[in-house]
């Protein structure tokens, strides 16, 4: 199914910058309260709902809201698919709307993670370490969260620092001594194809390769894996 996007162009009743800014701000707020996100400008804006296609009632409500506004001289609202956005401006507006949605959802995930963190005792958040059979990868398991974190050098050579970490329960402080920016890593989602573990995320930093995934046999998806990782960070 093609992803739906509403394309909106607005012309305020006057051309003052203040009127335009106020109208845009109120449009953004109206959309946010209805779990919709907007990017672009008054001349061309993309409106999306990341969870489900925008419904007919939502479309009617948006039209009604715009028609009742005294500061709107004219507007055009059309339904499109992402593949129909050809210009750089249109694509940029869509990307901005998606970014707004990602920030909003990340905030919600962090709140959920904090709730999970406060509901458990500190002792449940220590990783159990082991070295891989070849001695090149530190394999960490967080049983309660069904998470596994594998750390190795990018060149996959043996590393004494990993063996030292494997000598006892691993906490955030120990991992940060190895990777100082651990909580700020940029994770890349890996699709579950072939031998790729369920819900796997990959990251690299300072010559290290990290794989975050659900433990073998778990049914956790990517969202749940990342949510539980964030909960561990918060709890630590």
Protein backbone atom coordinates (compact mmCIF):
# COMPACT_ATOMS: atom_id res chain seq x y z
CA UNK A 1 0.00 0.00 0.00
CA UNK A 2 1.30 3.46 -0.94
CA UNK A 3 1.82 5.87 1.93
CA UNK A 4 -0.76 8.64 2.04
CA UNK A 5 0.02 12.32 2.50
CA UNK A 6 -2.22 15.39 2.48
CA UNK A 7 -0.86 18.28 0.44
CA UNK A 8 -1.97 21.69 1.70
CA UNK A 9 -1.34 25.19 0.37
CA UNK A 10 -2.59 28.24 2.27
CA UNK A 11 -2.89 31.91 1.48
CA UNK A 12 -3.41 34.16 4.53
CA UNK A 13 -5.82 37.10 4.45
CA UNK A 14 -2.79 39.42 4.48
CA UNK A 15 0.87 38.92 3.70
CA UNK A 16 2.38 40.04 7.02
CA UNK A 17 5.02 37.75 8.51
CA UNK A 18 3.24 37.75 11.87
CA UNK A 19 -0.02 36.52 10.38
CA UNK A 20 1.79 33.76 8.53
CA UNK A 21 3.73 32.63 11.60
CA UNK A 22 0.62 32.58 13.79
CA UNK A 23 -1.37 30.65 11.20
CA UNK A 24 1.43 28.09 10.75
CA UNK A 25 1.85 27.64 14.50
CA UNK A 26 -1.87 27.06 15.00
CA UNK A 27 -1.95 24.59 12.09
CA UNK A 28 0.92 22.61 13.64
CA UNK A 29 -0.83 22.58 17.04
CA UNK A 30 -4.18 21.54 15.49
CA UNK A 31 -2.48 18.61 13.75
CA UNK A 32 -0.47 17.52 16.82
CA UNK A 33 -3.58 17.26 18.98
CA UNK A 34 -4.94 14.80 16.41
CA UNK A 35 -1.75 12.73 16.06
CA UNK A 36 -0.98 14.28 12.69
CA UNK A 37 2.27 15.97 11.72
CA UNK A 38 3.00 18.74 9.27
CA UNK A 39 6.12 19.94 7.47
CA UNK A 40 6.91 22.56 4.87
CA UNK A 41 5.39 26.04 4.71
CA UNK A 42 2.09 27.80 4.04
CA UNK A 43 2.84 27.68 0.31
CA UNK A 44 3.17 23.90 0.41
CA UNK A 45 2.77 21.63 3.43
CA UNK A 46 2.71 17.86 3.85
CA UNK A 47 0.37 16.45 6.52
CA UNK A 48 0.82 12.82 7.63
CA UNK A 49 -0.38 10.33 10.20
CA UNK A 50 2.44 7.79 10.84
CA UNK A 51 0.15 5.17 12.41
CA UNK A 52 -2.82 4.93 10.06
CA UNK A 53 -4.01 6.65 6.87
CA UNK A 54 -5.74 9.95 7.52
CA UNK A 55 -9.47 9.24 7.69
CA UNK A 56 -12.29 10.99 5.86
CA UNK A 57 -13.61 12.53 9.10
CA UNK A 58 -10.12 13.94 9.86
CA UNK A 59 -9.98 15.38 6.34
CA UNK A 60 -13.42 16.96 6.76
CA UNK A 61 -12.49 18.40 10.15
CA UNK A 62 -9.31 19.95 8.74
CA UNK A 63 -11.26 21.52 5.87
CA UNK A 64 -13.90 22.84 8.27
CA UNK A 65 -11.23 24.30 10.56
CA UNK A 66 -9.59 26.10 7.64
CA UNK A 67 -12.90 27.36 6.23
CA UNK A 68 -13.90 28.91 9.56
CA UNK A 69 -10.64 30.83 9.98
CA UNK A 70 -10.92 34.54 9.29
CA UNK A 71 -7.17 34.78 8.58
CA UNK A 72 -7.30 32.28 5.67
CA UNK A 73 -8.08 33.84 2.30
CA UNK A 74 -7.79 30.64 0.26
CA UNK A 75 -6.55 27.07 0.64
CA UNK A 76 -6.17 23.93 -1.43
CA UNK A 77 -6.13 20.48 0.16
CA UNK A 78 -5.51 17.33 -1.88
CA UNK A 79 -4.75 13.70 -1.12
CA UNK A 80 -1.54 12.35 -2.60
CA UNK A 81 0.85 9.43 -2.28
CA UNK A 82 4.48 9.94 -1.35
CA UNK A 83 5.49 8.77 -4.82
CA UNK A 84 3.53 11.74 -6.24
CA UNK A 85 5.81 14.30 -4.53
CA UNK A 86 8.25 15.20 -7.28
CA UNK A 87 9.68 18.63 -6.43
CA UNK A 88 12.49 19.16 -3.92
CA UNK A 89 10.20 21.44 -1.89
CA UNK A 90 7.46 18.80 -1.68
CA UNK A 91 9.90 16.05 -0.72
CA UNK A 92 11.48 18.35 1.86
CA UNK A 93 8.09 19.11 3.38
CA UNK A 94 7.31 15.39 3.65
CA UNK A 95 10.70 14.63 5.25
CA UNK A 96 10.12 17.44 7.76
CA UNK A 97 6.72 16.00 8.68
CA UNK A 98 8.24 12.54 9.16
CA UNK A 99 10.99 14.04 11.34
CA UNK A 100 8.37 15.75 13.51
CA UNK A 101 6.59 12.40 13.91
CA UNK A 102 9.84 10.65 14.84
CA UNK A 103 10.64 13.23 17.52
CA UNK A 104 7.15 12.93 18.98
CA UNK A 105 7.24 9.13 19.02
CA UNK A 106 10.77 9.13 20.50
CA UNK A 107 9.50 11.31 23.36
CA UNK A 108 6.66 8.89 24.01
CA UNK A 109 9.04 5.93 23.94
CA UNK A 110 11.33 7.68 26.42
CA UNK A 111 8.43 8.25 28.80
CA UNK A 112 7.51 4.57 28.55
CA UNK A 113 11.15 3.65 29.15
CA UNK A 114 11.28 5.82 32.27
CA UNK A 115 8.14 4.14 33.59
CA UNK A 116 9.72 0.73 33.07
CA UNK A 117 12.94 1.87 34.70
CA UNK A 118 11.26 3.13 37.86
CA UNK A 119 9.19 -0.07 38.18
CA UNK A 120 12.22 -2.36 38.55
CA UNK A 121 15.08 -2.74 41.02
CA UNK A 122 18.66 -1.71 40.08
CA UNK A 123 19.95 -5.28 40.33
CA UNK A 124 17.77 -6.36 37.42
CA UNK A 125 19.66 -4.04 35.04
CA UNK A 126 23.13 -5.65 35.14
CA UNK A 127 24.28 -7.41 31.98
CA UNK A 128 25.58 -10.96 32.29
CA UNK A 129 28.80 -11.23 30.25
CA UNK A 130 30.41 -14.04 28.27
CA UNK A 131 33.02 -14.21 25.53
CA UNK A 132 32.23 -15.75 22.15
CA UNK A 133 33.89 -19.12 21.38
CA UNK A 134 36.54 -17.38 19.25
CA UNK A 135 37.27 -14.91 22.07
CA UNK A 136 36.71 -11.85 19.87
CA UNK A 137 33.22 -10.73 20.90
CA UNK A 138 31.82 -9.74 24.28
CA UNK A 139 28.30 -11.15 24.52
CA UNK A 140 26.11 -9.39 27.11
CA UNK A 141 22.67 -10.56 28.15
CA UNK A 142 19.98 -8.76 30.10
CA UNK A 143 17.66 -11.70 30.91
CA UNK A 144 14.77 -9.72 32.37
CA UNK A 145 14.54 -7.55 29.25
CA UNK A 146 15.35 -10.39 26.83
CA UNK A 147 18.14 -8.30 25.28
CA UNK A 148 21.57 -9.23 23.98
CA UNK A 149 24.36 -6.76 23.24
CA UNK A 150 27.42 -7.98 21.31
CA UNK A 151 30.56 -5.83 21.21
CA UNK A 152 33.65 -6.49 19.10
CA UNK A 153 36.37 -4.58 17.33
CA UNK A 154 35.58 -3.50 13.78
CA UNK A 155 38.56 -5.56 12.59
CA UNK A 156 37.26 -8.52 14.68
CA UNK A 157 40.64 -8.99 16.36
CA UNK A 158 40.97 -10.08 20.03
CA UNK A 159 40.77 -7.24 22.57
CA UNK A 160 41.93 -7.56 26.22
CA UNK A 161 39.52 -4.81 27.34
CA UNK A 162 36.57 -7.02 26.41
CA UNK A 163 37.93 -9.89 28.47
CA UNK A 164 38.24 -7.59 31.48
CA UNK A 165 34.60 -6.53 31.17
CA UNK A 166 33.60 -10.20 30.96
CA UNK A 167 34.90 -10.85 34.48
CA UNK A 168 31.69 -9.77 36.25
CA UNK A 169 28.27 -8.10 35.92
CA UNK A 170 28.41 -5.18 33.48
CA UNK A 171 26.85 -1.81 34.23
CA UNK A 172 26.53 1.40 32.27
CA UNK A 173 29.68 2.86 33.81
CA UNK A 174 31.74 -0.11 32.63
CA UNK A 175 30.43 0.13 29.08
CA UNK A 176 30.98 3.89 29.00
CA UNK A 177 34.62 3.36 29.95
CA UNK A 178 34.88 1.48 26.66
CA UNK A 179 32.47 3.61 24.60
CA UNK A 180 31.99 7.07 26.20
CA UNK A 181 29.14 8.08 23.88
CA UNK A 182 27.22 4.83 24.43
CA UNK A 183 23.88 6.49 25.25
CA UNK A 184 24.16 8.78 22.20
CA UNK A 185 24.91 6.13 19.59
CA UNK A 186 23.18 6.31 16.22
CA UNK A 187 21.58 2.88 15.77
CA UNK A 188 20.77 1.41 12.35
CA UNK A 189 17.82 -0.95 12.03
CA UNK A 190 18.57 -4.32 10.38
CA UNK A 191 15.75 -6.08 8.61
CA UNK A 192 15.16 -9.70 9.69
CA UNK A 193 16.32 -11.52 6.56
CA UNK A 194 18.05 -14.89 6.63
CA UNK A 195 20.32 -15.18 9.68
CA UNK A 196 19.73 -11.63 10.93
CA UNK A 197 18.52 -11.87 14.57
CA UNK A 198 15.07 -10.60 15.53
CA UNK A 199 14.84 -6.86 16.18
CA UNK A 200 18.54 -6.25 15.53
CA UNK A 201 20.09 -2.78 15.63
CA UNK A 202 23.72 -2.01 14.70
CA UNK A 203 26.01 0.83 15.74
CA UNK A 204 29.70 1.72 15.44
CA UNK A 205 31.92 3.95 17.56
CA UNK A 206 35.66 4.46 18.10
CA UNK A 207 36.60 1.27 16.30
CA UNK A 208 33.92 -0.80 18.00
CA UNK A 209 30.99 -2.65 16.45
CA UNK A 210 27.81 -3.13 18.50
CA UNK A 211 24.83 -5.37 17.83
CA UNK A 212 21.70 -4.91 19.95
CA UNK A 213 19.05 -7.61 19.52
CA UNK A 214 16.46 -9.79 21.18
CA UNK A 215 17.83 -12.95 22.79
CA UNK A 216 17.41 -16.15 20.83
CA UNK A 217 13.81 -17.41 20.92
CA UNK A 218 12.34 -14.03 21.84
CA UNK A 219 9.54 -12.47 19.79
CA UNK A 220 10.58 -8.84 20.44
CA UNK A 221 10.40 -6.57 17.42
CA UNK A 222 12.66 -3.59 16.64
CA UNK A 223 10.48 -1.11 18.50
CA UNK A 224 10.35 -3.23 21.66
CA UNK A 225 14.11 -3.91 21.57
CA UNK A 226 14.88 -0.19 21.37
CA UNK A 227 12.29 0.67 24.00
CA UNK A 228 13.88 -1.80 26.44
CA UNK A 229 17.36 -0.50 25.64
CA UNK A 230 16.16 3.02 26.48
CA UNK A 231 14.63 1.73 29.71
CA UNK A 232 17.99 0.25 30.70
CA UNK A 233 19.75 3.54 29.95
CA UNK A 234 17.21 5.42 32.09
CA UNK A 235 17.46 2.92 34.95
CA UNK A 236 21.23 3.07 34.98
